[in-house]
C-alpha cells in the first residue's frame, strides 16, 4: 500500500508541475523579450601608465627633465617623482554621463601638490580620509600651542585619493588625467 501512495504522490507532483512548466515556457515566449529591451551599456576602457622622472644635465649645465616609462620590476628610490597617466576611452556609440574615477595614492607615495590636471572639463577633488570624502582643497584643523584652533591647508603627506568627475564623455572619445607622486 505504501508503494501505491508514493507512486500516487509522484504522479500528482508531475501533474502539478506540468502546468507550471507550461507557464514558465509561456513566459519565455511572451512578446516582450528581455534581450530586446537591454540597451548596450557604455564601454569604458581604463589604462594607468606610470613614468619615473629622470633629471639630466644638458651641455650648458642646465637640468633637463624627462620621463622614463616604468615597466616590469621597476626600481624607485626615496624622493623619486612618478607621473601617473589615467586614460579612459569611451568605446561605445553613446555618451557616458556623470563618470567618476577614483585613484588611490599608492602606499609609500606622497601626492605632489598642484600636479593633477585632466581633460574633458573634469573636476578634480581630493580625499585625506581614505576616500570617504572629497573636496577641491582639503584642510585640517590644527591646534596651536596656545589652544587656538586654526584651519590650514592639508599637507601633501595626508592625501589618500584623487577623484575625477566628468559630466559627460562623448561616444568614441578619451579622457586623460595626469598626476604626480613622490616616493617617501
C-alpha atoms as a PDB file:
ATOM      1  CA  UNK A   1       0.000   0.000   0.000  1.00  0.00           C
ATOM      2  CA  UNK A   2       2.906   2.339   0.696  1.00  0.00           C
ATOM      3  CA  UNK A   3       4.152   1.788  -2.842  1.00  0.00           C
ATOM      4  CA  UNK A   4       0.830   2.843  -4.329  1.00  0.00           C
ATOM      5  CA  UNK A   5       0.628   6.024  -2.240  1.00  0.00           C
ATOM      6  CA  UNK A   6       4.216   7.052  -3.055  1.00  0.00           C
ATOM      7  CA  UNK A   7       3.558   6.464  -6.736  1.00  0.00           C
ATOM      8  CA  UNK A   8       0.324   8.433  -6.478  1.00  0.00           C
ATOM      9  CA  UNK A   9       2.159  11.350  -4.860  1.00  0.00           C
ATOM     10  CA  UNK A  10       4.773  11.203  -7.629  1.00  0.00           C
ATOM     11  CA  UNK A  11       2.068  11.311 -10.325  1.00  0.00           C
ATOM     12  CA  UNK A  12       0.338  14.201  -8.574  1.00  0.00           C
ATOM     13  CA  UNK A  13       3.635  16.078  -8.325  1.00  0.00           C
ATOM     14  CA  UNK A  14       4.239  15.510 -12.053  1.00  0.00           C
ATOM     15  CA  UNK A  15       0.726  16.685 -12.935  1.00  0.00           C
ATOM     16  CA  UNK A  16       1.161  19.762 -10.721  1.00  0.00           C
ATOM     17  CA  UNK A  17       4.497  20.525 -12.379  1.00  0.00           C
ATOM     18  CA  UNK A  18       3.277  20.334 -15.996  1.00  0.00           C
ATOM     19  CA  UNK A  19       1.091  23.460 -15.797  1.00  0.00           C
ATOM     20  CA  UNK A  20       3.958  25.339 -14.068  1.00  0.00           C
ATOM     21  CA  UNK A  21       6.410  24.325 -16.787  1.00  0.00           C
ATOM     22  CA  UNK A  22       3.855  25.422 -19.378  1.00  0.00           C
ATOM     23  CA  UNK A  23       3.515  28.737 -17.551  1.00  0.00           C
ATOM     24  CA  UNK A  24       7.298  29.236 -17.481  1.00  0.00           C
ATOM     25  CA  UNK A  25       7.632  28.325 -21.154  1.00  0.00           C
ATOM     26  CA  UNK A  26       4.755  30.713 -21.886  1.00  0.00           C
ATOM     27  CA  UNK A  27       6.751  33.492 -20.236  1.00  0.00           C
ATOM     28  CA  UNK A  28       9.788  32.754 -22.344  1.00  0.00           C
ATOM     29  CA  UNK A  29       7.659  33.058 -25.496  1.00  0.00           C
ATOM     30  CA  UNK A  30       5.953  36.286 -24.453  1.00  0.00           C
ATOM     31  CA  UNK A  31       6.084  39.139 -26.984  1.00  0.00           C
ATOM     32  CA  UNK A  32       8.378  41.180 -24.703  1.00  0.00           C
ATOM     33  CA  UNK A  33      11.821  39.625 -24.766  1.00  0.00           C
ATOM     34  CA  UNK A  34      14.355  40.777 -22.199  1.00  0.00           C
ATOM     35  CA  UNK A  35      17.188  40.720 -24.723  1.00  0.00           C
ATOM     36  CA  UNK A  36      15.289  43.180 -26.911  1.00  0.00           C
ATOM     37  CA  UNK A  37      14.883  45.695 -24.093  1.00  0.00           C
ATOM     38  CA  UNK A  38      18.505  45.848 -22.955  1.00  0.00           C
ATOM     39  CA  UNK A  39      20.331  48.909 -24.219  1.00  0.00           C
ATOM     40  CA  UNK A  40      24.043  48.398 -24.775  1.00  0.00           C
ATOM     41  CA  UNK A  41      25.926  49.659 -21.754  1.00  0.00           C
ATOM     42  CA  UNK A  42      28.638  52.256 -22.280  1.00  0.00           C
ATOM     43  CA  UNK A  43      32.028  50.645 -22.517  1.00  0.00           C
ATOM     44  CA  UNK A  44      34.822  52.458 -20.732  1.00  0.00           C
ATOM     45  CA  UNK A  45      38.333  51.114 -21.152  1.00  0.00           C
ATOM     46  CA  UNK A  46      40.766  52.315 -18.468  1.00  0.00           C
ATOM     47  CA  UNK A  47      44.545  52.253 -18.593  1.00  0.00           C
ATOM     48  CA  UNK A  48      47.024  53.503 -15.985  1.00  0.00           C
ATOM     49  CA  UNK A  49      50.581  54.285 -17.024  1.00  0.00           C
ATOM     50  CA  UNK A  50      53.479  55.205 -14.742  1.00  0.00           C
ATOM     51  CA  UNK A  51      56.702  57.017 -15.539  1.00  0.00           C
ATOM     52  CA  UNK A  52      59.705  57.970 -13.444  1.00  0.00           C
ATOM     53  CA  UNK A  53      61.147  61.462 -13.647  1.00  0.00           C
ATOM     54  CA  UNK A  54      64.743  61.476 -14.861  1.00  0.00           C
ATOM     55  CA  UNK A  55      66.877  64.573 -14.266  1.00  0.00           C
ATOM     56  CA  UNK A  56      69.904  65.063 -16.518  1.00  0.00           C
ATOM     57  CA  UNK A  57      72.160  67.986 -17.370  1.00  0.00           C
ATOM     58  CA  UNK A  58      72.470  69.320 -20.888  1.00  0.00           C
ATOM     59  CA  UNK A  59      75.720  70.591 -22.436  1.00  0.00           C
ATOM     60  CA  UNK A  60      75.169  74.045 -20.920  1.00  0.00           C
ATOM     61  CA  UNK A  61      74.881  72.540 -17.426  1.00  0.00           C
ATOM     62  CA  UNK A  62      71.123  73.166 -17.127  1.00  0.00           C
ATOM     63  CA  UNK A  63      68.891  70.474 -15.693  1.00  0.00           C
ATOM     64  CA  UNK A  64      66.559  68.734 -18.092  1.00  0.00           C
ATOM     65  CA  UNK A  65      63.573  66.685 -17.037  1.00  0.00           C
ATOM     66  CA  UNK A  66      62.345  63.656 -18.947  1.00  0.00           C
ATOM     67  CA  UNK A  67      60.061  60.732 -18.154  1.00  0.00           C
ATOM     68  CA  UNK A  68      61.024  57.065 -18.325  1.00  0.00           C
ATOM     69  CA  UNK A  69      58.174  54.505 -18.540  1.00  0.00           C
ATOM     70  CA  UNK A  70      58.059  52.086 -15.604  1.00  0.00           C
ATOM     71  CA  UNK A  71      57.778  48.510 -16.759  1.00  0.00           C
ATOM     72  CA  UNK A  72      58.170  45.169 -15.053  1.00  0.00           C
ATOM     73  CA  UNK A  73      60.017  45.320 -11.734  1.00  0.00           C
ATOM     74  CA  UNK A  74      60.962  48.979 -11.744  1.00  0.00           C
ATOM     75  CA  UNK A  75      63.274  50.285  -9.030  1.00  0.00           C
ATOM     76  CA  UNK A  76      62.476  53.593  -7.361  1.00  0.00           C
ATOM     77  CA  UNK A  77      64.280  55.384  -4.561  1.00  0.00           C
ATOM     78  CA  UNK A  78      63.083  57.796  -1.864  1.00  0.00           C
ATOM     79  CA  UNK A  79      62.463  61.269  -3.349  1.00  0.00           C
ATOM     80  CA  UNK A  80      61.907  59.865  -6.883  1.00  0.00           C
ATOM     81  CA  UNK A  81      58.957  61.515  -8.627  1.00  0.00           C
ATOM     82  CA  UNK A  82      56.492  59.336 -10.535  1.00  0.00           C
ATOM     83  CA  UNK A  83      53.937  60.577 -13.029  1.00  0.00           C
ATOM     84  CA  UNK A  84      50.713  58.615 -13.429  1.00  0.00           C
ATOM     85  CA  UNK A  85      48.542  58.965 -16.514  1.00  0.00           C
ATOM     86  CA  UNK A  86      44.994  57.642 -16.305  1.00  0.00           C
ATOM     87  CA  UNK A  87      43.382  57.213 -19.710  1.00  0.00           C
ATOM     88  CA  UNK A  88      39.694  56.379 -20.132  1.00  0.00           C
ATOM     89  CA  UNK A  89      38.304  55.611 -23.583  1.00  0.00           C
ATOM     90  CA  UNK A  90      34.557  55.549 -24.225  1.00  0.00           C
ATOM     91  CA  UNK A  91      34.350  52.729 -26.781  1.00  0.00           C
ATOM     92  CA  UNK A  92      30.573  52.848 -27.090  1.00  0.00           C
ATOM     93  CA  UNK A  93      28.342  54.705 -29.539  1.00  0.00           C
ATOM     94  CA  UNK A  94      26.737  56.845 -26.843  1.00  0.00           C
ATOM     95  CA  UNK A  95      27.968  59.261 -24.198  1.00  0.00           C
ATOM     96  CA  UNK A  96      28.756  58.238 -20.635  1.00  0.00           C
ATOM     97  CA  UNK A  97      27.093  60.623 -18.201  1.00  0.00           C
ATOM     98  CA  UNK A  98      28.358  61.537 -14.724  1.00  0.00           C
ATOM     99  CA  UNK A  99      31.544  59.488 -14.870  1.00  0.00           C
ATOM    100  CA  UNK A 100      33.520  59.334 -11.620  1.00  0.00           C
ATOM    101  CA  UNK A 101      37.030  57.878 -11.449  1.00  0.00           C
ATOM    102  CA  UNK A 102      38.800  57.421  -8.089  1.00  0.00           C
ATOM    103  CA  UNK A 103      42.556  56.907  -7.940  1.00  0.00           C
ATOM    104  CA  UNK A 104      44.238  55.993  -4.651  1.00  0.00           C
ATOM    105  CA  UNK A 105      47.660  57.445  -3.896  1.00  0.00           C
ATOM    106  CA  UNK A 106      49.823  54.306  -3.654  1.00  0.00           C
ATOM    107  CA  UNK A 107      51.234  53.371  -0.244  1.00  0.00           C
ATOM    108  CA  UNK A 108      54.748  54.662   0.252  1.00  0.00           C
ATOM    109  CA  UNK A 109      53.986  57.605  -2.043  1.00  0.00           C
ATOM    110  CA  UNK A 110      53.039  61.212  -1.401  1.00  0.00           C
ATOM    111  CA  UNK A 111      50.923  63.325  -3.767  1.00  0.00           C
ATOM    112  CA  UNK A 112      52.784  66.240  -5.392  1.00  0.00           C
ATOM    113  CA  UNK A 113      50.547  69.256  -4.736  1.00  0.00           C
ATOM    114  CA  UNK A 114      49.144  71.101  -7.759  1.00  0.00           C
ATOM    115  CA  UNK A 115      50.304  68.346 -10.153  1.00  0.00           C
ATOM    116  CA  UNK A 116      46.904  66.990 -11.206  1.00  0.00           C
ATOM    117  CA  UNK A 117      45.234  68.046 -14.420  1.00  0.00           C
ATOM    118  CA  UNK A 118      42.625  66.451 -16.657  1.00  0.00           C
ATOM    119  CA  UNK A 119      40.836  66.876 -19.958  1.00  0.00           C
ATOM    120  CA  UNK A 120      37.103  66.970 -20.789  1.00  0.00           C
ATOM    121  CA  UNK A 121      36.097  69.523 -18.142  1.00  0.00           C
ATOM    122  CA  UNK A 122      36.855  67.007 -15.418  1.00  0.00           C
ATOM    123  CA  UNK A 123      36.508  68.322 -11.887  1.00  0.00           C
ATOM    124  CA  UNK A 124      39.395  67.193  -9.681  1.00  0.00           C
ATOM    125  CA  UNK A 125      38.845  66.682  -5.969  1.00  0.00           C
ATOM    126  CA  UNK A 126      40.941  65.063  -3.247  1.00  0.00           C
ATOM    127  CA  UNK A 127      40.455  62.904  -0.177  1.00  0.00           C
ATOM    128  CA  UNK A 128      42.507  62.906   3.005  1.00  0.00           C
ATOM    129  CA  UNK A 129      40.374  60.319   4.802  1.00  0.00           C
ATOM    130  CA  UNK A 130      40.837  57.144   2.788  1.00  0.00           C
ATOM    131  CA  UNK A 131      38.343  58.030   0.066  1.00  0.00           C
ATOM    132  CA  UNK A 132      35.272  58.709   2.222  1.00  0.00           C
ATOM    133  CA  UNK A 133      35.045  62.470   1.472  1.00  0.00           C
ATOM    134  CA  UNK A 134      36.357  64.541  -1.432  1.00  0.00           C
ATOM    135  CA  UNK A 135      36.914  68.313  -1.673  1.00  0.00           C
ATOM    136  CA  UNK A 136      38.803  70.640  -4.007  1.00  0.00           C
ATOM    137  CA  UNK A 137      41.114  71.991  -1.299  1.00  0.00           C
ATOM    138  CA  UNK A 138      41.499  69.664   1.699  1.00  0.00           C
ATOM    139  CA  UNK A 139      42.053  71.322   5.055  1.00  0.00           C
ATOM    140  CA  UNK A 140      42.899  70.218   8.579  1.00  0.00           C
ATOM    141  CA  UNK A 141      42.108  71.667  11.973  1.00  0.00           C
ATOM    142  CA  UNK A 142      45.357  72.444  13.750  1.00  0.00           C
ATOM    143  CA  UNK A 143      45.530  73.177  17.479  1.00  0.00           C
ATOM    144  CA  UNK A 144      48.167  75.792  18.215  1.00  0.00           C
ATOM    145  CA  UNK A 145      50.276  75.763  21.414  1.00  0.00           C
ATOM    146  CA  UNK A 146      48.031  78.477  22.884  1.00  0.00           C
ATOM    147  CA  UNK A 147      44.974  76.215  22.404  1.00  0.00           C
ATOM    148  CA  UNK A 148      43.540  78.171  19.496  1.00  0.00           C
ATOM    149  CA  UNK A 149      42.292  76.021  16.583  1.00  0.00           C
ATOM    150  CA  UNK A 150      43.066  77.105  13.030  1.00  0.00           C
ATOM    151  CA  UNK A 151      42.116  75.603   9.703  1.00  0.00           C
ATOM    152  CA  UNK A 152      45.137  75.072   7.463  1.00  0.00           C
ATOM    153  CA  UNK A 153      45.633  73.532   4.027  1.00  0.00           C
ATOM    154  CA  UNK A 154      46.249  69.798   4.312  1.00  0.00           C
ATOM    155  CA  UNK A 155      49.864  68.831   3.633  1.00  0.00           C
ATOM    156  CA  UNK A 156      50.597  66.587   0.657  1.00  0.00           C
ATOM    157  CA  UNK A 157      51.561  63.768   3.016  1.00  0.00           C
ATOM    158  CA  UNK A 158      47.927  63.185   4.080  1.00  0.00           C
ATOM    159  CA  UNK A 159      46.315  62.997   0.624  1.00  0.00           C
ATOM    160  CA  UNK A 160      44.923  59.494   0.032  1.00  0.00           C
ATOM    161  CA  UNK A 161      42.877  59.695  -3.204  1.00  0.00           C
ATOM    162  CA  UNK A 162      42.235  61.768  -6.301  1.00  0.00           C
ATOM    163  CA  UNK A 163      38.758  61.846  -7.868  1.00  0.00           C
ATOM    164  CA  UNK A 164      37.839  62.909 -11.387  1.00  0.00           C
ATOM    165  CA  UNK A 165      34.225  63.784 -12.099  1.00  0.00           C
ATOM    166  CA  UNK A 166      33.379  64.095 -15.783  1.00  0.00           C
ATOM    167  CA  UNK A 167      29.862  65.400 -16.541  1.00  0.00           C
ATOM    168  CA  UNK A 168      29.748  63.697 -19.944  1.00  0.00           C
ATOM    169  CA  UNK A 169      32.220  61.705 -22.004  1.00  0.00           C
ATOM    170  CA  UNK A 170      31.093  61.688 -25.629  1.00  0.00           C
ATOM    171  CA  UNK A 171      30.984  58.496 -27.659  1.00  0.00           C
ATOM    172  CA  UNK A 172      34.334  57.349 -29.054  1.00  0.00           C
ATOM    173  CA  UNK A 173      36.307  59.941 -27.063  1.00  0.00           C
ATOM    174  CA  UNK A 174      39.065  59.829 -24.473  1.00  0.00           C
ATOM    175  CA  UNK A 175      39.558  61.437 -21.065  1.00  0.00           C
ATOM    176  CA  UNK A 176      43.066  61.806 -19.730  1.00  0.00           C
ATOM    177  CA  UNK A 177      44.284  62.753 -16.261  1.00  0.00           C
ATOM    178  CA  UNK A 178      47.853  63.191 -15.062  1.00  0.00           C
ATOM    179  CA  UNK A 179      49.173  63.499 -11.521  1.00  0.00           C
ATOM    180  CA  UNK A 180      52.497  63.069  -9.768  1.00  0.00           C
ATOM    181  CA  UNK A 181      53.603  61.376  -6.586  1.00  0.00           C
ATOM    182  CA  UNK A 182      56.902  61.241  -4.770  1.00  0.00           C
ATOM    183  CA  UNK A 183      58.422  58.204  -3.102  1.00  0.00           C
ATOM    184  CA  UNK A 184      58.569  58.783   0.676  1.00  0.00           C
END
